């Protein structure tokens, strides 16, 4: 019976894994992209991390220097029976400033550039088609590239679910609970204002 139970557990886990897919995107501050996508129906989980560079196991401090080639990025695990890769990418594109090549909003420099990292030809075709549609809708060039996937390194624990945190952190406006500090940062950075100005009623999220 024990062997049967173990076998069934392994089979169930394998089946569950086979039914999920992942999307890796960089959209500036990974706290913000994580907080946008975790509530989306069909999204199973979002992990903040680093990708695009060659340094193994990079730290936040190392990536922040801007010379490792890494982007702040997120890995989105989702159920394709509920939400498609194409829909996720459409939402991502309409949650960032795809016309900005040098960072996002108040965050400037290499780690904050946007990108869509693809793992196969199907993802590449979907991402390129979505960006072409965005370019046509905006009537101006998009700066977000489609790049081949590279190793994804999860960020330090304190970055995960930062927007939900209850620790007290120091901000320019004084000590704040982490979740409130996140809201203060996001508003001060002008992220949602710029997305709304760029996309209007086509913006993916109503903040």
N, C-alpha and C. Protein backbone atom coordinates (compact mmCIF):
# COMPACT_ATOMS: atom_id res chain seq x y z
N UNK A 1 0.82 -1.21 0.00
CA UNK A 1 0.00 0.00 0.00
C UNK A 1 0.86 1.27 0.00
N UNK A 2 1.97 1.24 0.78
CA UNK A 2 2.84 2.40 0.85
C UNK A 2 3.44 2.68 -0.52
N UNK A 3 3.91 1.60 -1.18
CA UNK A 3 4.49 1.78 -2.52
C UNK A 3 3.46 2.35 -3.49
N UNK A 4 2.23 1.88 -3.39
CA UNK A 4 1.17 2.36 -4.27
C UNK A 4 0.91 3.85 -4.02
N UNK A 5 0.88 4.23 -2.74
CA UNK A 5 0.63 5.63 -2.40
C UNK A 5 1.74 6.53 -2.91
N UNK A 6 2.98 6.08 -2.76
CA UNK A 6 4.12 6.85 -3.25
C UNK A 6 4.06 6.99 -4.76
N UNK A 7 3.73 5.90 -5.44
CA UNK A 7 3.64 5.91 -6.90
C UNK A 7 2.55 6.87 -7.36
N UNK A 8 1.41 6.85 -6.65
CA UNK A 8 0.31 7.74 -7.02
C UNK A 8 0.69 9.20 -6.79
N UNK A 9 1.41 9.47 -5.70
CA UNK A 9 1.86 10.83 -5.42
C UNK A 9 2.80 11.34 -6.49
N UNK A 10 3.75 10.49 -6.88
CA UNK A 10 4.70 10.86 -7.93
C UNK A 10 3.97 11.12 -9.24
N UNK A 11 3.01 10.25 -9.57
CA UNK A 11 2.26 10.40 -10.82
C UNK A 11 1.43 11.68 -10.80
N UNK A 12 0.81 11.97 -9.63
CA UNK A 12 0.00 13.19 -9.52
C UNK A 12 0.86 14.43 -9.67
N UNK A 13 2.03 14.43 -9.03
CA UNK A 13 2.94 15.57 -9.11
C UNK A 13 3.41 15.79 -10.54
N UNK A 14 3.76 14.70 -11.22
CA UNK A 14 4.22 14.80 -12.61
C UNK A 14 3.12 15.34 -13.50
N UNK A 15 1.88 14.87 -13.26
CA UNK A 15 0.75 15.34 -14.07
C UNK A 15 0.50 16.82 -13.84
N UNK A 16 0.59 17.25 -12.58
CA UNK A 16 0.38 18.66 -12.26
C UNK A 16 1.42 19.53 -12.92
N UNK A 17 2.68 19.08 -12.89
CA UNK A 17 3.75 19.85 -13.51
C UNK A 17 3.55 19.93 -15.02
N UNK A 18 3.07 18.83 -15.61
CA UNK A 18 2.88 18.79 -17.06
C UNK A 18 1.78 19.74 -17.50
N UNK A 19 0.87 20.08 -16.58
CA UNK A 19 -0.26 20.93 -16.92
C UNK A 19 0.03 22.41 -16.73
N UNK A 20 1.24 22.75 -16.31
CA UNK A 20 1.59 24.14 -16.12
C UNK A 20 2.65 24.57 -17.13
N UNK A 21 2.69 25.87 -17.39
CA UNK A 21 3.71 26.45 -18.26
C UNK A 21 4.29 27.66 -17.55
N UNK A 22 5.38 28.19 -18.10
CA UNK A 22 6.00 29.37 -17.50
C UNK A 22 6.23 30.45 -18.55
N UNK A 23 6.19 31.67 -18.09
CA UNK A 23 6.53 32.84 -18.90
C UNK A 23 7.53 33.66 -18.08
N UNK A 24 8.59 34.13 -18.73
CA UNK A 24 9.60 34.94 -18.05
C UNK A 24 9.64 36.30 -18.74
N UNK A 25 9.42 37.34 -17.95
CA UNK A 25 9.38 38.70 -18.49
C UNK A 25 10.11 39.65 -17.56
N UNK A 26 10.64 40.72 -18.13
CA UNK A 26 11.28 41.79 -17.36
C UNK A 26 10.52 43.08 -17.63
N UNK A 27 10.05 43.71 -16.56
CA UNK A 27 9.24 44.91 -16.72
C UNK A 27 9.58 46.00 -15.75
N UNK A 28 10.89 46.20 -15.54
CA UNK A 28 11.31 47.17 -14.53
C UNK A 28 11.32 46.51 -13.17
N UNK A 29 10.91 47.22 -12.14
CA UNK A 29 10.90 46.70 -10.78
C UNK A 29 10.12 45.39 -10.68
N UNK A 30 10.80 44.32 -10.25
CA UNK A 30 10.11 43.02 -10.22
C UNK A 30 9.04 42.95 -9.15
N UNK A 31 9.14 43.79 -8.11
CA UNK A 31 8.06 43.83 -7.11
C UNK A 31 6.73 44.16 -7.79
N UNK A 32 6.77 45.12 -8.70
CA UNK A 32 5.55 45.61 -9.34
C UNK A 32 4.97 44.57 -10.30
N UNK A 33 5.82 43.92 -11.08
CA UNK A 33 5.33 42.91 -12.01
C UNK A 33 4.74 41.73 -11.25
N UNK A 34 5.41 41.35 -10.16
CA UNK A 34 4.90 40.26 -9.33
C UNK A 34 3.53 40.61 -8.76
N UNK A 35 3.38 41.81 -8.23
CA UNK A 35 2.11 42.19 -7.62
C UNK A 35 1.00 42.31 -8.66
N UNK A 36 1.34 42.68 -9.90
CA UNK A 36 0.34 42.75 -10.96
C UNK A 36 -0.19 41.37 -11.33
N UNK A 37 0.71 40.39 -11.43
CA UNK A 37 0.33 39.12 -12.04
C UNK A 37 -0.09 38.03 -11.07
N UNK A 38 0.29 38.13 -9.82
CA UNK A 38 -0.12 37.07 -8.89
C UNK A 38 -1.64 36.92 -8.78
N UNK A 39 -2.43 38.00 -8.83
CA UNK A 39 -3.89 37.82 -8.71
C UNK A 39 -4.59 37.39 -10.00
N UNK A 40 -3.89 37.33 -11.12
CA UNK A 40 -4.53 37.03 -12.40
C UNK A 40 -5.06 35.59 -12.40
N UNK A 41 -6.31 35.38 -12.73
CA UNK A 41 -6.85 34.02 -12.78
C UNK A 41 -6.03 33.14 -13.73
N UNK A 42 -5.69 31.96 -13.26
CA UNK A 42 -4.88 31.04 -14.05
C UNK A 42 -3.41 31.09 -13.70
N UNK A 43 -2.98 32.17 -13.04
CA UNK A 43 -1.59 32.27 -12.60
C UNK A 43 -1.44 31.50 -11.29
N UNK A 44 -0.50 30.58 -11.26
CA UNK A 44 -0.29 29.72 -10.10
C UNK A 44 0.72 30.35 -9.13
N UNK A 45 1.72 31.01 -9.67
CA UNK A 45 2.72 31.65 -8.83
C UNK A 45 3.64 32.54 -9.63
N UNK A 46 4.22 33.53 -8.97
CA UNK A 46 5.16 34.45 -9.60
C UNK A 46 6.38 34.57 -8.70
N UNK A 47 7.56 34.41 -9.30
CA UNK A 47 8.81 34.50 -8.55
C UNK A 47 9.63 35.64 -9.11
N UNK A 48 10.10 36.52 -8.24
CA UNK A 48 10.99 37.59 -8.66
C UNK A 48 12.42 37.05 -8.75
N UNK A 49 13.17 37.52 -9.75
CA UNK A 49 14.53 37.03 -9.89
C UNK A 49 15.33 37.81 -10.92
N UNK A 50 16.39 37.18 -11.37
CA UNK A 50 17.32 37.81 -12.31
C UNK A 50 17.58 36.86 -13.47
N UNK A 51 17.66 37.42 -14.67
CA UNK A 51 17.99 36.62 -15.84
C UNK A 51 18.58 37.51 -16.92
N UNK A 52 19.14 36.88 -17.94
CA UNK A 52 19.69 37.63 -19.07
C UNK A 52 21.18 37.81 -19.03
N UNK A 53 21.81 37.57 -17.87
CA UNK A 53 23.26 37.71 -17.74
C UNK A 53 23.97 36.38 -17.64
N UNK A 54 25.26 36.43 -17.45
CA UNK A 54 26.07 35.21 -17.39
C UNK A 54 26.60 34.89 -16.00
N UNK A 55 26.46 35.82 -15.07
CA UNK A 55 26.94 35.58 -13.72
C UNK A 55 26.02 34.59 -13.01
N UNK A 56 26.59 33.56 -12.41
CA UNK A 56 25.80 32.56 -11.70
C UNK A 56 25.40 33.07 -10.32
N UNK A 57 24.17 32.76 -9.94
CA UNK A 57 23.64 33.12 -8.63
C UNK A 57 23.89 34.58 -8.27
N UNK A 58 23.49 35.51 -9.13
CA UNK A 58 23.76 36.93 -8.85
C UNK A 58 22.97 37.42 -7.65
N UNK A 59 23.49 38.41 -7.00
CA UNK A 59 22.79 39.05 -5.88
C UNK A 59 22.17 40.36 -6.35
N UNK A 60 21.28 40.89 -5.54
CA UNK A 60 20.63 42.16 -5.86
C UNK A 60 21.67 43.27 -6.00
N UNK A 61 22.66 43.25 -5.12
CA UNK A 61 23.70 44.27 -5.17
C UNK A 61 24.51 44.16 -6.45
N UNK A 62 24.84 42.93 -6.85
CA UNK A 62 25.63 42.74 -8.07
C UNK A 62 24.84 43.16 -9.31
N UNK A 63 23.58 42.76 -9.38
CA UNK A 63 22.74 43.13 -10.52
C UNK A 63 22.55 44.64 -10.57
N UNK A 64 22.40 45.25 -9.40
CA UNK A 64 22.17 46.68 -9.33
C UNK A 64 23.31 47.53 -9.86
N UNK A 65 24.52 46.94 -9.93
CA UNK A 65 25.65 47.69 -10.49
C UNK A 65 25.43 47.99 -11.98
N UNK A 66 24.65 47.12 -12.64
CA UNK A 66 24.34 47.34 -14.04
C UNK A 66 25.33 46.77 -15.02
N UNK A 67 26.30 45.99 -14.53
CA UNK A 67 27.32 45.48 -15.44
C UNK A 67 27.31 43.96 -15.57
N UNK A 68 26.29 43.29 -15.06
CA UNK A 68 26.24 41.82 -15.13
C UNK A 68 25.42 41.32 -16.32
N UNK A 69 24.68 42.21 -16.96
CA UNK A 69 23.81 41.80 -18.07
C UNK A 69 22.45 41.30 -17.63
N UNK A 70 22.25 41.18 -16.31
CA UNK A 70 20.98 40.67 -15.82
C UNK A 70 19.90 41.75 -15.80
N UNK A 71 18.69 41.28 -15.95
CA UNK A 71 17.49 42.10 -15.79
C UNK A 71 16.80 41.69 -14.50
N UNK A 72 16.12 42.62 -13.84
CA UNK A 72 15.14 42.23 -12.85
C UNK A 72 13.97 41.63 -13.63
N UNK A 73 13.57 40.43 -13.28
CA UNK A 73 12.56 39.72 -14.06
C UNK A 73 11.67 38.90 -13.13
N UNK A 74 10.62 38.35 -13.70
CA UNK A 74 9.77 37.43 -12.95
C UNK A 74 9.51 36.19 -13.79
N UNK A 75 9.35 35.08 -13.10
CA UNK A 75 8.92 33.84 -13.74
C UNK A 75 7.49 33.58 -13.31
N UNK A 76 6.59 33.54 -14.28
CA UNK A 76 5.17 33.33 -14.03
C UNK A 76 4.81 31.90 -14.37
N UNK A 77 4.33 31.16 -13.40
CA UNK A 77 3.83 29.80 -13.65
C UNK A 77 2.32 29.88 -13.77
N UNK A 78 1.79 29.29 -14.84
CA UNK A 78 0.36 29.44 -15.10
C UNK A 78 -0.24 28.16 -15.65
N UNK A 79 -1.57 28.09 -15.57
CA UNK A 79 -2.34 26.96 -16.09
C UNK A 79 -2.86 27.36 -17.46
N UNK A 80 -2.33 26.75 -18.53
CA UNK A 80 -2.75 27.15 -19.88
C UNK A 80 -4.20 26.80 -20.20
N UNK A 81 -4.82 25.98 -19.36
CA UNK A 81 -6.24 25.68 -19.56
C UNK A 81 -7.11 26.84 -19.09
N UNK A 82 -6.52 27.73 -18.28
CA UNK A 82 -7.27 28.88 -17.75
C UNK A 82 -6.86 30.17 -18.44
N UNK A 83 -5.57 30.35 -18.65
CA UNK A 83 -5.07 31.55 -19.32
C UNK A 83 -3.94 31.15 -20.27
N UNK A 84 -3.95 31.71 -21.46
CA UNK A 84 -2.95 31.34 -22.45
C UNK A 84 -1.69 32.17 -22.31
N UNK A 85 -0.61 31.68 -22.87
CA UNK A 85 0.63 32.45 -22.91
C UNK A 85 0.40 33.76 -23.64
N UNK A 86 -0.34 33.71 -24.74
CA UNK A 86 -0.61 34.91 -25.53
C UNK A 86 -1.32 35.98 -24.69
N UNK A 87 -2.29 35.56 -23.89
CA UNK A 87 -3.01 36.52 -23.05
C UNK A 87 -2.11 37.12 -21.99
N UNK A 88 -1.25 36.29 -21.39
CA UNK A 88 -0.31 36.80 -20.39
C UNK A 88 0.62 37.84 -20.99
N UNK A 89 1.13 37.55 -22.18
CA UNK A 89 2.05 38.49 -22.82
C UNK A 89 1.34 39.78 -23.20
N UNK A 90 0.11 39.67 -23.67
CA UNK A 90 -0.66 40.88 -23.97
C UNK A 90 -0.82 41.73 -22.71
N UNK A 91 -1.14 41.09 -21.60
CA UNK A 91 -1.29 41.83 -20.34
C UNK A 91 0.03 42.45 -19.92
N UNK A 92 1.11 41.71 -20.07
CA UNK A 92 2.42 42.24 -19.69
C UNK A 92 2.77 43.49 -20.50
N UNK A 93 2.61 43.40 -21.80
CA UNK A 93 2.94 44.52 -22.67
C UNK A 93 2.15 45.76 -22.29
N UNK A 94 0.89 45.56 -21.91
CA UNK A 94 0.02 46.69 -21.56
C UNK A 94 0.12 47.08 -20.09
N UNK A 95 1.14 46.54 -19.42
CA UNK A 95 1.38 46.94 -18.02
C UNK A 95 2.72 47.65 -17.87
N UNK A 96 3.40 47.90 -19.00
CA UNK A 96 4.72 48.55 -18.98
C UNK A 96 4.77 49.64 -20.04
N UNK A 97 5.88 50.36 -20.06
CA UNK A 97 6.13 51.34 -21.13
C UNK A 97 7.06 50.67 -22.15
N UNK A 98 6.47 50.10 -23.18
CA UNK A 98 7.24 49.36 -24.18
C UNK A 98 8.07 50.28 -25.08
N UNK A 99 7.89 51.59 -24.94
CA UNK A 99 8.64 52.52 -25.79
C UNK A 99 9.95 52.98 -25.14
N UNK A 100 10.18 52.59 -23.89
CA UNK A 100 11.34 53.06 -23.13
C UNK A 100 12.46 52.01 -23.16
N UNK A 101 13.58 52.36 -23.76
CA UNK A 101 14.69 51.41 -23.90
C UNK A 101 15.68 51.46 -22.75
N UNK A 102 15.56 52.44 -21.88
CA UNK A 102 16.60 52.67 -20.88
C UNK A 102 16.19 52.39 -19.44
N UNK A 103 15.06 51.76 -19.24
CA UNK A 103 14.58 51.46 -17.91
C UNK A 103 13.07 51.59 -17.87
N UNK A 104 12.51 51.70 -16.68
CA UNK A 104 11.07 51.86 -16.55
C UNK A 104 10.76 52.88 -15.47
N UNK A 105 10.04 53.92 -15.89
CA UNK A 105 9.52 54.91 -14.96
C UNK A 105 10.69 55.57 -14.21
N UNK A 106 10.71 55.56 -12.89
CA UNK A 106 11.81 56.23 -12.19
C UNK A 106 13.05 55.35 -12.09
N UNK A 107 12.94 54.09 -12.45
CA UNK A 107 14.08 53.16 -12.35
C UNK A 107 14.83 53.13 -13.68
N UNK A 108 16.05 53.61 -13.68
CA UNK A 108 16.81 53.73 -14.90
C UNK A 108 17.99 52.77 -14.88
N UNK A 109 18.46 52.41 -16.06
CA UNK A 109 19.65 51.57 -16.16
C UNK A 109 19.34 50.14 -16.58
N UNK A 110 20.40 49.41 -16.86
CA UNK A 110 20.31 48.08 -17.46
C UNK A 110 19.41 47.10 -16.70
N UNK A 111 19.46 47.02 -15.39
CA UNK A 111 18.63 46.02 -14.71
C UNK A 111 17.13 46.24 -14.87
N UNK A 112 16.73 47.47 -15.24
CA UNK A 112 15.31 47.81 -15.29
C UNK A 112 14.76 47.87 -16.71
N UNK A 113 15.56 47.43 -17.68
CA UNK A 113 15.05 47.36 -19.06
C UNK A 113 13.95 46.30 -19.15
N UNK A 114 13.14 46.42 -20.18
CA UNK A 114 12.08 45.43 -20.40
C UNK A 114 12.55 44.39 -21.41
N UNK A 115 11.97 43.21 -21.32
CA UNK A 115 12.26 42.13 -22.27
C UNK A 115 11.26 41.00 -22.05
N UNK A 116 11.09 40.22 -23.09
CA UNK A 116 10.32 38.97 -23.01
C UNK A 116 11.30 37.85 -23.33
N UNK A 117 11.49 36.95 -22.39
CA UNK A 117 12.43 35.83 -22.57
C UNK A 117 11.64 34.59 -22.98
N UNK A 118 11.98 34.03 -24.12
CA UNK A 118 11.19 32.93 -24.67
C UNK A 118 11.98 31.63 -24.66
N UNK A 119 11.26 30.52 -24.47
CA UNK A 119 11.91 29.22 -24.35
C UNK A 119 11.76 28.34 -25.58
N UNK A 120 10.91 28.74 -26.52
CA UNK A 120 10.74 27.93 -27.73
C UNK A 120 10.19 28.80 -28.86
N UNK A 121 10.03 28.20 -30.02
CA UNK A 121 9.58 28.95 -31.19
C UNK A 121 8.15 29.45 -31.05
N UNK A 122 7.32 28.68 -30.36
CA UNK A 122 5.92 29.09 -30.18
C UNK A 122 5.85 30.36 -29.32
N UNK A 123 6.62 30.38 -28.23
CA UNK A 123 6.64 31.58 -27.40
C UNK A 123 7.22 32.76 -28.18
N UNK A 124 8.25 32.52 -28.96
CA UNK A 124 8.85 33.60 -29.75
C UNK A 124 7.84 34.19 -30.73
N UNK A 125 7.12 33.34 -31.43
CA UNK A 125 6.13 33.81 -32.40
C UNK A 125 5.03 34.61 -31.71
N UNK A 126 4.58 34.13 -30.55
CA UNK A 126 3.52 34.82 -29.83
C UNK A 126 3.99 36.18 -29.33
N UNK A 127 5.20 36.23 -28.79
CA UNK A 127 5.73 37.48 -28.26
C UNK A 127 5.96 38.50 -29.38
N UNK A 128 6.53 38.05 -30.47
CA UNK A 128 6.78 38.96 -31.58
C UNK A 128 5.48 39.49 -32.18
N UNK A 129 4.47 38.64 -32.28
CA UNK A 129 3.18 39.08 -32.81
C UNK A 129 2.53 40.09 -31.87
N UNK A 130 2.63 39.86 -30.57
CA UNK A 130 2.03 40.78 -29.59
C UNK A 130 2.71 42.14 -29.63
N UNK A 131 4.03 42.14 -29.77
CA UNK A 131 4.76 43.41 -29.84
C UNK A 131 4.46 44.16 -31.14
N UNK A 132 4.29 43.42 -32.23
CA UNK A 132 3.94 44.05 -33.50
C UNK A 132 2.56 44.71 -33.41
N UNK A 133 1.63 44.04 -32.74
CA UNK A 133 0.30 44.60 -32.54
C UNK A 133 0.37 45.86 -31.68
N UNK A 134 1.20 45.80 -30.62
CA UNK A 134 1.36 46.96 -29.74
C UNK A 134 1.94 48.14 -30.50
N UNK A 135 2.92 47.88 -31.33
CA UNK A 135 3.55 48.94 -32.11
C UNK A 135 2.53 49.61 -33.04
N UNK A 136 1.69 48.79 -33.67
CA UNK A 136 0.66 49.33 -34.56
C UNK A 136 -0.36 50.15 -33.79
N UNK A 137 -0.75 49.68 -32.60
CA UNK A 137 -1.75 50.39 -31.80
C UNK A 137 -1.20 51.72 -31.30
N UNK A 138 0.07 51.73 -30.89
CA UNK A 138 0.65 52.94 -30.34
C UNK A 138 1.10 53.92 -31.42
N UNK A 139 1.38 53.40 -32.61
CA UNK A 139 1.87 54.25 -33.69
C UNK A 139 3.28 54.75 -33.46
N UNK A 140 4.05 54.01 -32.70
CA UNK A 140 5.45 54.36 -32.45
C UNK A 140 6.24 53.09 -32.17
N UNK A 141 7.56 53.13 -32.36
CA UNK A 141 8.37 51.91 -32.18
C UNK A 141 8.35 51.41 -30.74
N UNK A 142 8.36 50.10 -30.59
CA UNK A 142 8.50 49.51 -29.26
C UNK A 142 9.96 49.16 -29.04
N UNK A 143 10.39 49.26 -27.79
CA UNK A 143 11.79 49.02 -27.45
C UNK A 143 12.00 47.71 -26.71
N UNK A 144 10.91 47.02 -26.40
CA UNK A 144 11.00 45.76 -25.66
C UNK A 144 11.43 44.64 -26.59
N UNK A 145 12.58 43.99 -26.34
CA UNK A 145 13.02 42.92 -27.22
C UNK A 145 12.48 41.56 -26.80
N UNK A 146 12.52 40.63 -27.75
CA UNK A 146 12.25 39.23 -27.47
C UNK A 146 13.61 38.53 -27.46
N UNK A 147 13.94 37.90 -26.35
CA UNK A 147 15.27 37.31 -26.17
C UNK A 147 15.16 35.83 -25.81
N UNK A 148 16.16 35.06 -26.23
CA UNK A 148 16.21 33.65 -25.87
C UNK A 148 16.39 33.51 -24.36
N UNK A 149 15.71 32.55 -23.79
CA UNK A 149 15.78 32.37 -22.34
C UNK A 149 17.20 32.02 -21.90
N UNK A 150 17.52 32.47 -20.71
CA UNK A 150 18.78 32.17 -20.05
C UNK A 150 18.44 31.72 -18.64
N UNK A 151 19.42 31.19 -17.90
CA UNK A 151 19.10 30.75 -16.53
C UNK A 151 18.41 31.84 -15.72
N UNK A 152 17.40 31.43 -14.98
CA UNK A 152 16.65 32.34 -14.11
C UNK A 152 17.05 32.06 -12.68
N UNK A 153 17.49 33.12 -12.00
CA UNK A 153 17.94 32.98 -10.62
C UNK A 153 16.94 33.69 -9.70
N UNK A 154 16.26 32.97 -8.82
CA UNK A 154 15.34 33.63 -7.89
C UNK A 154 16.06 34.67 -7.05
N UNK A 155 15.40 35.79 -6.84
CA UNK A 155 15.97 36.85 -6.00
C UNK A 155 15.92 36.44 -4.53
N UNK A 156 16.59 37.21 -3.72
CA UNK A 156 16.64 36.96 -2.28
C UNK A 156 15.22 36.90 -1.70
N UNK A 157 15.08 36.16 -0.60
CA UNK A 157 13.76 35.92 -0.01
C UNK A 157 13.00 37.22 0.27
N UNK A 158 13.71 38.25 0.71
CA UNK A 158 13.00 39.47 1.11
C UNK A 158 12.36 40.19 -0.08
N UNK A 159 12.74 39.83 -1.30
CA UNK A 159 12.13 40.43 -2.48
C UNK A 159 10.82 39.74 -2.87
N UNK A 160 10.64 38.49 -2.44
CA UNK A 160 9.45 37.73 -2.84
C UNK A 160 8.23 38.27 -2.09
N UNK A 161 7.16 38.53 -2.83
CA UNK A 161 5.93 39.06 -2.25
C UNK A 161 6.20 40.33 -1.43
N UNK A 162 7.11 41.14 -1.93
CA UNK A 162 7.47 42.35 -1.19
C UNK A 162 6.26 43.22 -0.90
N UNK A 163 5.35 43.26 -1.87
CA UNK A 163 4.19 44.15 -1.74
C UNK A 163 3.23 43.73 -0.64
N UNK A 164 3.41 42.51 -0.10
CA UNK A 164 2.55 42.03 0.99
C UNK A 164 3.22 42.14 2.35
N UNK A 165 4.48 42.53 2.37
CA UNK A 165 5.28 42.43 3.59
C UNK A 165 4.76 43.28 4.74
N UNK A 166 5.06 42.82 5.96
CA UNK A 166 4.62 43.53 7.16
C UNK A 166 5.79 44.10 7.96
N UNK A 167 7.02 43.87 7.52
CA UNK A 167 8.17 44.44 8.21
C UNK A 167 8.15 45.96 8.10
N UNK A 168 8.81 46.63 9.03
CA UNK A 168 8.95 48.08 8.98
C UNK A 168 10.24 48.41 8.23
N UNK A 169 10.13 49.24 7.20
CA UNK A 169 11.29 49.63 6.40
C UNK A 169 11.38 51.15 6.36
N UNK A 170 12.57 51.64 6.10
CA UNK A 170 12.78 53.09 6.06
C UNK A 170 12.60 53.59 4.63
N UNK A 171 11.80 54.62 4.45
CA UNK A 171 11.58 55.23 3.13
C UNK A 171 11.92 56.72 3.22
N UNK A 172 11.85 57.39 2.07
CA UNK A 172 12.09 58.83 2.07
C UNK A 172 11.07 59.58 2.91
N UNK A 173 9.92 58.94 3.11
CA UNK A 173 8.87 59.56 3.92
C UNK A 173 8.87 59.03 5.35
N UNK A 174 9.96 58.36 5.73
CA UNK A 174 10.07 57.84 7.09
C UNK A 174 9.75 56.36 7.16
N UNK A 175 9.75 55.77 8.36
CA UNK A 175 9.47 54.34 8.52
C UNK A 175 8.04 54.01 8.11
N UNK A 176 7.89 52.90 7.37
CA UNK A 176 6.57 52.46 6.94
C UNK A 176 6.52 50.94 6.96
N UNK A 177 5.32 50.40 7.15
CA UNK A 177 5.13 48.97 6.96
C UNK A 177 5.47 48.65 5.51
N UNK A 178 6.08 47.50 5.26
CA UNK A 178 6.60 47.19 3.93
C UNK A 178 5.55 47.32 2.84
N UNK A 179 4.35 46.83 3.09
CA UNK A 179 3.30 46.93 2.06
C UNK A 179 2.97 48.39 1.75
N UNK A 180 2.99 49.23 2.76
CA UNK A 180 2.73 50.66 2.55
C UNK A 180 3.92 51.33 1.86
N UNK A 181 5.13 50.88 2.20
CA UNK A 181 6.33 51.41 1.54
C UNK A 181 6.30 51.07 0.06
N UNK A 182 5.83 49.86 -0.26
CA UNK A 182 5.71 49.47 -1.66
C UNK A 182 4.73 50.39 -2.39
N UNK A 183 3.57 50.65 -1.79
CA UNK A 183 2.58 51.54 -2.42
C UNK A 183 3.15 52.94 -2.61
N UNK A 184 3.88 53.41 -1.61
CA UNK A 184 4.51 54.73 -1.68
C UNK A 184 5.52 54.78 -2.83
N UNK A 185 6.34 53.72 -2.93
CA UNK A 185 7.33 53.65 -4.01
C UNK A 185 6.64 53.64 -5.37
N UNK A 186 5.64 52.80 -5.52
CA UNK A 186 5.00 52.65 -6.83
C UNK A 186 4.35 53.96 -7.27
N UNK A 187 3.69 54.64 -6.35
CA UNK A 187 3.06 55.90 -6.69
C UNK A 187 4.11 56.97 -7.00
N UNK A 188 5.15 57.03 -6.18
CA UNK A 188 6.20 58.04 -6.37
C UNK A 188 6.94 57.82 -7.68
N UNK A 189 7.05 56.56 -8.08
CA UNK A 189 7.79 56.23 -9.30
C UNK A 189 7.01 56.57 -10.57
N UNK A 190 5.70 56.76 -10.44
CA UNK A 190 4.89 57.14 -11.59
C UNK A 190 4.56 56.00 -12.54
N UNK A 191 4.67 54.78 -12.05
CA UNK A 191 4.45 53.62 -12.93
C UNK A 191 3.04 53.62 -13.51
N UNK A 192 2.05 53.65 -12.65
CA UNK A 192 0.67 53.52 -13.13
C UNK A 192 0.21 54.73 -13.92
N UNK A 193 0.71 55.90 -13.54
CA UNK A 193 0.35 57.10 -14.29
C UNK A 193 0.86 57.02 -15.72
N UNK A 194 2.10 56.57 -15.89
CA UNK A 194 2.68 56.48 -17.24
C UNK A 194 1.99 55.40 -18.07
N UNK A 195 1.71 54.26 -17.45
CA UNK A 195 1.03 53.18 -18.19
C UNK A 195 -0.35 53.66 -18.65
N UNK A 196 -1.05 54.36 -17.80
CA UNK A 196 -2.38 54.86 -18.17
C UNK A 196 -2.27 55.89 -19.29
N UNK A 197 -1.25 56.75 -19.20
CA UNK A 197 -1.07 57.77 -20.24
C UNK A 197 -0.74 57.13 -21.59
N UNK A 198 0.03 56.06 -21.55
CA UNK A 198 0.45 55.39 -22.78
C UNK A 198 -0.67 54.54 -23.38
N UNK A 199 -1.35 53.76 -22.52
CA UNK A 199 -2.28 52.76 -23.01
C UNK A 199 -3.75 53.15 -22.89
N UNK A 200 -4.05 54.15 -22.07
CA UNK A 200 -5.44 54.54 -21.91
C UNK A 200 -6.29 53.40 -21.39
N UNK A 201 -7.46 53.17 -22.00
CA UNK A 201 -8.35 52.12 -21.51
C UNK A 201 -7.88 50.73 -21.90
N UNK A 202 -6.75 50.63 -22.62
CA UNK A 202 -6.19 49.33 -22.95
C UNK A 202 -5.13 48.88 -21.94
N UNK A 203 -4.89 49.70 -20.93
CA UNK A 203 -3.95 49.30 -19.87
C UNK A 203 -4.45 48.01 -19.23
N UNK A 204 -3.53 47.12 -18.92
CA UNK A 204 -3.91 45.79 -18.45
C UNK A 204 -4.52 45.79 -17.06
N UNK A 205 -4.06 46.70 -16.20
CA UNK A 205 -4.49 46.68 -14.80
C UNK A 205 -4.99 48.06 -14.40
N UNK A 206 -6.04 48.07 -13.62
CA UNK A 206 -6.64 49.31 -13.18
C UNK A 206 -6.19 49.59 -11.75
N UNK A 207 -5.12 50.40 -11.63
CA UNK A 207 -4.58 50.73 -10.31
C UNK A 207 -5.03 52.12 -9.91
